[in-house]
């Protein structure tokens, strides 16, 4: 089912709910049963939408990662090769929770001659924030 069909089903369900409850009450079906069934359907629809959205977002991030890696492989000495769509390869790796790879990429980027100091500082801050969050999460689990 595509996105337009999913949206159409949700619209039809939301507009038909009051009519369905009224018809069910006239036929002797308790309102609670009708409401809980519709609630279950809407919960399922919302969960399906959220999952599809997250999968799409992850797929786009992985595509950007592949494009950035290809650019760096093609021209490893250019600082601009580390950027795809205005986003640095290190930040993409951090978003995918690949801190070790991100640290290596950031160190390589910092050694380049044309890299801006402000970009390097921002990337290292993002890396330290990710490591700090990981330590906090591990501390909560213990």
N, C-alpha and C. Protein backbone atom coordinates (compact mmCIF):
# COMPACT_ATOMS: atom_id res chain seq x y z
N UNK A 1 0.85 -1.17 0.00
CA UNK A 1 0.00 0.00 0.00
C UNK A 1 0.90 1.24 0.00
N UNK A 2 0.62 2.18 -0.87
CA UNK A 2 1.46 3.37 -0.93
C UNK A 2 0.97 4.42 0.06
N UNK A 3 1.69 5.53 0.12
CA UNK A 3 1.39 6.56 1.12
C UNK A 3 0.03 7.20 0.89
N UNK A 4 -0.34 7.46 -0.35
CA UNK A 4 -1.63 8.08 -0.64
C UNK A 4 -2.78 7.17 -0.22
N UNK A 5 -2.65 5.89 -0.48
CA UNK A 5 -3.70 4.95 -0.09
C UNK A 5 -3.81 4.86 1.43
N UNK A 6 -2.68 4.85 2.11
CA UNK A 6 -2.69 4.83 3.58
C UNK A 6 -3.39 6.05 4.13
N UNK A 7 -3.07 7.21 3.59
CA UNK A 7 -3.71 8.44 4.02
C UNK A 7 -5.20 8.43 3.73
N UNK A 8 -5.59 7.92 2.58
CA UNK A 8 -7.01 7.85 2.23
C UNK A 8 -7.77 6.95 3.20
N UNK A 9 -7.19 5.82 3.56
CA UNK A 9 -7.84 4.92 4.51
C UNK A 9 -8.00 5.60 5.86
N UNK A 10 -6.98 6.32 6.31
CA UNK A 10 -7.06 7.01 7.59
C UNK A 10 -8.13 8.10 7.58
N UNK A 11 -8.24 8.83 6.48
CA UNK A 11 -9.26 9.87 6.37
C UNK A 11 -10.65 9.26 6.41
N UNK A 12 -10.84 8.19 5.67
CA UNK A 12 -12.15 7.54 5.65
C UNK A 12 -12.50 7.02 7.04
N UNK A 13 -11.54 6.41 7.71
CA UNK A 13 -11.81 5.90 9.06
C UNK A 13 -12.16 7.02 10.04
N UNK A 14 -11.43 8.12 9.97
CA UNK A 14 -11.69 9.20 10.93
C UNK A 14 -13.04 9.87 10.69
N UNK A 15 -13.47 9.99 9.44
CA UNK A 15 -14.76 10.61 9.17
C UNK A 15 -15.93 9.64 9.36
N UNK A 16 -15.68 8.36 9.22
CA UNK A 16 -16.78 7.41 9.36
C UNK A 16 -16.97 6.95 10.80
N UNK A 17 -16.06 7.29 11.69
CA UNK A 17 -16.16 6.83 13.08
C UNK A 17 -17.46 7.24 13.76
N UNK A 18 -17.87 8.52 13.75
CA UNK A 18 -19.12 8.88 14.42
C UNK A 18 -20.34 8.15 13.82
N UNK A 19 -20.35 7.99 12.51
CA UNK A 19 -21.47 7.29 11.87
C UNK A 19 -21.49 5.82 12.26
N UNK A 20 -20.33 5.22 12.32
CA UNK A 20 -20.23 3.82 12.70
C UNK A 20 -20.69 3.60 14.13
N UNK A 21 -20.30 4.49 15.02
CA UNK A 21 -20.71 4.36 16.43
C UNK A 21 -22.22 4.51 16.54
N UNK A 22 -22.80 5.49 15.85
CA UNK A 22 -24.25 5.71 15.90
C UNK A 22 -24.99 4.49 15.34
N UNK A 23 -24.53 3.97 14.21
CA UNK A 23 -25.17 2.79 13.61
C UNK A 23 -25.03 1.58 14.52
N UNK A 24 -23.86 1.42 15.09
CA UNK A 24 -23.66 0.29 16.02
C UNK A 24 -24.55 0.39 17.24
N UNK A 25 -24.73 1.62 17.77
CA UNK A 25 -25.61 1.79 18.93
C UNK A 25 -27.05 1.44 18.57
N UNK A 26 -27.49 1.78 17.37
CA UNK A 26 -28.85 1.45 16.95
C UNK A 26 -29.03 -0.06 16.77
N UNK A 27 -27.96 -0.74 16.39
CA UNK A 27 -28.04 -2.19 16.19
C UNK A 27 -27.78 -2.97 17.48
N UNK A 28 -27.46 -2.27 18.56
CA UNK A 28 -27.25 -2.93 19.84
C UNK A 28 -25.80 -3.23 20.18
N UNK A 29 -24.87 -2.77 19.38
CA UNK A 29 -23.45 -2.96 19.67
C UNK A 29 -23.03 -1.85 20.64
N UNK A 30 -22.42 -2.21 21.76
CA UNK A 30 -22.02 -1.18 22.72
C UNK A 30 -21.00 -0.21 22.09
N UNK A 31 -21.09 1.06 22.49
CA UNK A 31 -20.18 2.08 21.96
C UNK A 31 -18.73 1.78 22.31
N UNK A 32 -18.55 1.20 23.47
CA UNK A 32 -17.18 0.89 23.92
C UNK A 32 -16.51 -0.08 22.96
N UNK A 33 -17.23 -1.05 22.50
CA UNK A 33 -16.66 -2.03 21.57
C UNK A 33 -16.28 -1.36 20.24
N UNK A 34 -17.18 -0.53 19.73
CA UNK A 34 -16.87 0.17 18.48
C UNK A 34 -15.70 1.12 18.63
N UNK A 35 -15.67 1.84 19.74
CA UNK A 35 -14.58 2.78 19.98
C UNK A 35 -13.25 2.06 20.16
N UNK A 36 -13.26 0.95 20.89
CA UNK A 36 -11.99 0.25 21.08
C UNK A 36 -11.49 -0.41 19.81
N UNK A 37 -12.41 -0.88 18.95
CA UNK A 37 -11.97 -1.44 17.68
C UNK A 37 -11.37 -0.36 16.79
N UNK A 38 -12.02 0.80 16.73
CA UNK A 38 -11.47 1.88 15.93
C UNK A 38 -10.15 2.37 16.52
N UNK A 39 -10.07 2.41 17.84
CA UNK A 39 -8.81 2.80 18.49
C UNK A 39 -7.68 1.86 18.11
N UNK A 40 -8.00 0.57 18.07
CA UNK A 40 -6.98 -0.42 17.68
C UNK A 40 -6.54 -0.21 16.24
N UNK A 41 -7.51 0.05 15.35
CA UNK A 41 -7.18 0.27 13.94
C UNK A 41 -6.33 1.54 13.78
N UNK A 42 -6.72 2.60 14.48
CA UNK A 42 -5.95 3.85 14.39
C UNK A 42 -4.56 3.71 14.99
N UNK A 43 -4.45 2.96 16.07
CA UNK A 43 -3.13 2.71 16.67
C UNK A 43 -2.25 1.94 15.70
N UNK A 44 -2.82 0.93 15.05
CA UNK A 44 -2.07 0.17 14.06
C UNK A 44 -1.63 1.08 12.90
N UNK A 45 -2.55 1.93 12.45
CA UNK A 45 -2.22 2.82 11.33
C UNK A 45 -1.12 3.80 11.73
N UNK A 46 -1.20 4.34 12.93
CA UNK A 46 -0.17 5.27 13.39
C UNK A 46 1.18 4.56 13.52
N UNK A 47 1.16 3.36 14.06
CA UNK A 47 2.41 2.59 14.19
C UNK A 47 3.00 2.28 12.82
N UNK A 48 2.15 1.92 11.87
CA UNK A 48 2.64 1.64 10.51
C UNK A 48 3.26 2.89 9.89
N UNK A 49 2.61 4.01 10.08
CA UNK A 49 3.14 5.27 9.53
C UNK A 49 4.48 5.61 10.15
N UNK A 50 4.59 5.51 11.46
CA UNK A 50 5.85 5.85 12.14
C UNK A 50 6.96 4.92 11.68
N UNK A 51 6.68 3.64 11.56
CA UNK A 51 7.70 2.68 11.12
C UNK A 51 8.14 3.00 9.70
N UNK A 52 7.19 3.27 8.81
CA UNK A 52 7.55 3.61 7.42
C UNK A 52 8.38 4.88 7.37
N UNK A 53 8.03 5.87 8.19
CA UNK A 53 8.78 7.12 8.22
C UNK A 53 10.21 6.88 8.69
N UNK A 54 10.38 6.09 9.74
CA UNK A 54 11.73 5.82 10.25
C UNK A 54 12.56 5.02 9.25
N UNK A 55 11.95 4.06 8.60
CA UNK A 55 12.67 3.26 7.60
C UNK A 55 13.10 4.14 6.44
N UNK A 56 12.22 5.03 5.98
CA UNK A 56 12.57 5.93 4.89
C UNK A 56 13.70 6.85 5.29
N UNK A 57 13.62 7.41 6.50
CA UNK A 57 14.68 8.30 6.99
C UNK A 57 16.01 7.57 7.09
N UNK A 58 15.99 6.33 7.58
CA UNK A 58 17.22 5.55 7.69
C UNK A 58 17.79 5.23 6.30
N UNK A 59 16.91 4.88 5.36
CA UNK A 59 17.38 4.58 4.01
C UNK A 59 18.05 5.80 3.37
N UNK A 60 17.47 6.98 3.57
CA UNK A 60 18.07 8.21 3.03
C UNK A 60 19.43 8.46 3.66
N UNK A 61 19.54 8.23 4.97
CA UNK A 61 20.82 8.42 5.65
C UNK A 61 21.87 7.45 5.13
N UNK A 62 21.48 6.21 4.90
CA UNK A 62 22.43 5.21 4.38
C UNK A 62 22.85 5.58 2.95
N UNK A 63 21.92 6.10 2.16
CA UNK A 63 22.28 6.54 0.80
C UNK A 63 23.26 7.70 0.85
N UNK A 64 23.03 8.63 1.77
CA UNK A 64 23.98 9.75 1.91
C UNK A 64 25.35 9.25 2.35
N UNK A 65 25.36 8.27 3.24
CA UNK A 65 26.62 7.69 3.69
C UNK A 65 27.37 7.07 2.52
N UNK A 66 26.67 6.33 1.69
CA UNK A 66 27.32 5.70 0.53
C UNK A 66 27.85 6.76 -0.43
N UNK A 67 27.08 7.82 -0.64
CA UNK A 67 27.52 8.89 -1.54
C UNK A 67 28.74 9.60 -0.97
N UNK A 68 28.75 9.85 0.33
CA UNK A 68 29.89 10.52 0.96
C UNK A 68 31.14 9.64 0.90
N UNK A 69 30.98 8.37 1.15
CA UNK A 69 32.13 7.46 1.08
C UNK A 69 32.68 7.39 -0.35
N UNK A 70 31.80 7.40 -1.33
CA UNK A 70 32.26 7.38 -2.72
C UNK A 70 33.01 8.66 -3.06
N UNK A 71 32.53 9.80 -2.58
CA UNK A 71 33.22 11.07 -2.83
C UNK A 71 34.59 11.08 -2.18
N UNK A 72 34.68 10.60 -0.95
CA UNK A 72 35.97 10.58 -0.25
C UNK A 72 36.92 9.61 -0.94
N UNK A 73 36.41 8.48 -1.40
CA UNK A 73 37.27 7.53 -2.10
C UNK A 73 37.78 8.10 -3.42
N UNK A 74 36.93 8.90 -4.08
CA UNK A 74 37.33 9.50 -5.35
C UNK A 74 38.35 10.61 -5.17
N UNK A 75 38.22 11.40 -4.11
CA UNK A 75 39.12 12.54 -3.89
C UNK A 75 39.39 12.70 -2.39
N UNK A 76 40.26 11.85 -1.83
CA UNK A 76 40.48 11.87 -0.37
C UNK A 76 41.20 13.12 0.14
N UNK A 77 41.81 13.89 -0.72
CA UNK A 77 42.55 15.06 -0.26
C UNK A 77 41.72 16.34 -0.29
N UNK A 78 40.48 16.26 -0.72
CA UNK A 78 39.62 17.44 -0.77
C UNK A 78 38.70 17.48 0.44
N UNK A 79 38.72 18.57 1.20
CA UNK A 79 37.81 18.68 2.35
C UNK A 79 36.34 18.70 1.94
N UNK A 80 36.02 19.19 0.76
CA UNK A 80 34.62 19.26 0.29
C UNK A 80 34.07 17.89 -0.04
N UNK A 81 34.94 16.90 -0.26
CA UNK A 81 34.49 15.55 -0.56
C UNK A 81 33.83 14.90 0.65
N UNK A 82 34.10 15.42 1.84
CA UNK A 82 33.54 14.87 3.07
C UNK A 82 32.13 15.35 3.34
N UNK A 83 31.59 16.21 2.48
CA UNK A 83 30.25 16.76 2.67
C UNK A 83 29.30 16.27 1.58
N UNK A 84 28.10 15.88 2.00
CA UNK A 84 27.03 15.49 1.08
C UNK A 84 25.78 16.25 1.52
N UNK A 85 25.27 17.06 0.63
CA UNK A 85 24.07 17.84 0.96
C UNK A 85 24.28 18.76 2.14
N UNK A 86 25.48 19.25 2.31
CA UNK A 86 25.77 20.15 3.42
C UNK A 86 26.04 19.45 4.75
N UNK A 87 26.01 18.14 4.75
CA UNK A 87 26.23 17.38 5.98
C UNK A 87 27.55 16.61 5.88
N UNK A 88 28.31 16.64 6.95
CA UNK A 88 29.62 15.99 6.98
C UNK A 88 29.47 14.48 7.18
N UNK A 89 30.38 13.75 6.57
CA UNK A 89 30.40 12.29 6.68
C UNK A 89 30.47 11.85 8.14
N UNK A 90 31.22 12.56 8.96
CA UNK A 90 31.33 12.22 10.37
C UNK A 90 30.00 12.34 11.10
N UNK A 91 29.22 13.36 10.78
CA UNK A 91 27.90 13.53 11.40
C UNK A 91 26.93 12.44 10.96
N UNK A 92 27.04 12.04 9.71
CA UNK A 92 26.19 10.95 9.22
C UNK A 92 26.51 9.67 9.98
N UNK A 93 27.80 9.40 10.16
CA UNK A 93 28.20 8.21 10.91
C UNK A 93 27.75 8.28 12.36
N UNK A 94 27.81 9.46 12.96
CA UNK A 94 27.33 9.61 14.34
C UNK A 94 25.83 9.36 14.43
N UNK A 95 25.08 9.83 13.44
CA UNK A 95 23.64 9.60 13.44
C UNK A 95 23.32 8.11 13.35
N UNK A 96 24.18 7.36 12.65
CA UNK A 96 23.99 5.91 12.54
C UNK A 96 24.63 5.15 13.70
N UNK A 97 25.12 5.90 14.69
CA UNK A 97 25.73 5.34 15.91
C UNK A 97 27.00 4.55 15.61
N UNK A 98 27.80 5.07 14.71
CA UNK A 98 29.10 4.46 14.38
C UNK A 98 30.19 5.43 14.82
N UNK A 99 30.38 5.49 16.15
CA UNK A 99 31.29 6.48 16.73
C UNK A 99 32.76 6.22 16.36
N UNK A 100 33.16 4.98 16.32
CA UNK A 100 34.57 4.67 16.02
C UNK A 100 34.92 5.12 14.60
N UNK A 101 34.05 4.79 13.64
CA UNK A 101 34.27 5.22 12.26
C UNK A 101 34.24 6.74 12.16
N UNK A 102 33.30 7.36 12.88
CA UNK A 102 33.18 8.82 12.85
C UNK A 102 34.46 9.46 13.38
N UNK A 103 35.02 8.90 14.45
CA UNK A 103 36.25 9.46 15.02
C UNK A 103 37.40 9.37 14.01
N UNK A 104 37.49 8.25 13.30
CA UNK A 104 38.54 8.11 12.28
C UNK A 104 38.36 9.11 11.15
N UNK A 105 37.11 9.28 10.69
CA UNK A 105 36.83 10.22 9.60
C UNK A 105 37.13 11.65 10.04
N UNK A 106 36.76 11.99 11.26
CA UNK A 106 37.00 13.35 11.76
C UNK A 106 38.50 13.61 11.89
N UNK A 107 39.26 12.62 12.35
CA UNK A 107 40.72 12.79 12.44
C UNK A 107 41.34 12.96 11.06
N UNK A 108 40.88 12.16 10.09
CA UNK A 108 41.38 12.30 8.71
C UNK A 108 41.05 13.67 8.15
N UNK A 109 39.83 14.12 8.41
CA UNK A 109 39.39 15.44 7.93
C UNK A 109 40.21 16.54 8.58
N UNK A 110 40.53 16.38 9.85
CA UNK A 110 41.30 17.42 10.56
C UNK A 110 42.73 17.53 10.01
N UNK A 111 43.26 16.44 9.48
CA UNK A 111 44.63 16.47 8.94
C UNK A 111 44.70 17.10 7.55
N UNK A 112 43.55 17.30 6.90
CA UNK A 112 43.56 17.91 5.57
C UNK A 112 43.94 19.38 5.66
N UNK A 113 44.59 19.85 4.64
CA UNK A 113 45.05 21.24 4.62
C UNK A 113 43.94 22.26 4.48
N UNK A 114 42.89 21.97 3.75
CA UNK A 114 41.87 22.97 3.49
C UNK A 114 40.68 22.93 4.44
N UNK A 115 40.75 22.09 5.46
CA UNK A 115 39.63 21.98 6.40
C UNK A 115 39.58 23.20 7.31
N UNK A 116 38.38 23.71 7.52
CA UNK A 116 38.22 24.87 8.40
C UNK A 116 38.27 24.43 9.86
N UNK A 117 38.89 25.25 10.67
CA UNK A 117 39.02 24.95 12.09
C UNK A 117 37.65 24.89 12.77
N UNK A 118 36.74 25.76 12.37
CA UNK A 118 35.40 25.77 12.99
C UNK A 118 34.65 24.48 12.70
N UNK A 119 34.81 23.94 11.50
CA UNK A 119 34.16 22.68 11.16
C UNK A 119 34.75 21.54 11.99
N UNK A 120 36.06 21.55 12.14
CA UNK A 120 36.73 20.50 12.91
C UNK A 120 36.27 20.54 14.37
N UNK A 121 36.21 21.74 14.94
CA UNK A 121 35.78 21.89 16.33
C UNK A 121 34.33 21.41 16.50
N UNK A 122 33.46 21.78 15.58
CA UNK A 122 32.06 21.37 15.66
C UNK A 122 31.93 19.85 15.56
N UNK A 123 32.72 19.23 14.69
CA UNK A 123 32.67 17.78 14.55
C UNK A 123 33.18 17.07 15.80
N UNK A 124 34.25 17.60 16.37
CA UNK A 124 34.77 16.98 17.60
C UNK A 124 33.81 17.15 18.77
N UNK A 125 33.12 18.29 18.82
CA UNK A 125 32.10 18.48 19.86
C UNK A 125 30.96 17.49 19.69
N UNK A 126 30.52 17.29 18.45
CA UNK A 126 29.45 16.33 18.20
C UNK A 126 29.88 14.92 18.60
N UNK A 127 31.13 14.57 18.32
CA UNK A 127 31.65 13.26 18.70
C UNK A 127 31.70 13.12 20.22
N UNK A 128 32.19 14.14 20.92
CA UNK A 128 32.26 14.04 22.38
C UNK A 128 30.86 14.00 22.99
N UNK A 129 29.90 14.72 22.41
CA UNK A 129 28.52 14.64 22.91
C UNK A 129 27.94 13.24 22.74
N UNK A 130 28.23 12.61 21.60
CA UNK A 130 27.74 11.25 21.36
C UNK A 130 28.38 10.27 22.34
N UNK A 131 29.66 10.43 22.60
CA UNK A 131 30.33 9.54 23.56
C UNK A 131 29.80 9.77 24.98
N UNK A 132 29.51 11.02 25.31
CA UNK A 132 28.96 11.34 26.63
C UNK A 132 27.57 10.71 26.79
N UNK A 133 26.74 10.80 25.75
CA UNK A 133 25.42 10.19 25.81
C UNK A 133 25.52 8.68 25.98
N UNK A 134 26.50 8.06 25.30
CA UNK A 134 26.68 6.62 25.41
C UNK A 134 27.10 6.25 26.84
N UNK A 135 28.02 7.00 27.43
CA UNK A 135 28.45 6.71 28.80
C UNK A 135 27.28 6.86 29.78
N UNK A 136 26.45 7.90 29.58
CA UNK A 136 25.28 8.09 30.45
C UNK A 136 24.31 6.93 30.31
N UNK A 137 24.10 6.48 29.08
CA UNK A 137 23.18 5.36 28.85
C UNK A 137 23.72 4.08 29.48
N UNK A 138 25.03 3.87 29.40
CA UNK A 138 25.61 2.68 30.00
C UNK A 138 25.55 2.77 31.51
N UNK A 139 25.68 3.97 32.07
CA UNK A 139 25.59 4.16 33.51
C UNK A 139 24.20 3.86 34.03
N UNK A 140 23.17 4.20 33.25
CA UNK A 140 21.79 3.92 33.65
C UNK A 140 21.49 2.44 33.63
N UNK A 141 22.11 1.72 32.68
CA UNK A 141 21.87 0.27 32.57
C UNK A 141 22.51 -0.49 33.72
N UNK A 142 23.59 0.02 34.24
CA UNK A 142 24.33 -0.71 35.30
C UNK A 142 23.65 -0.64 36.63
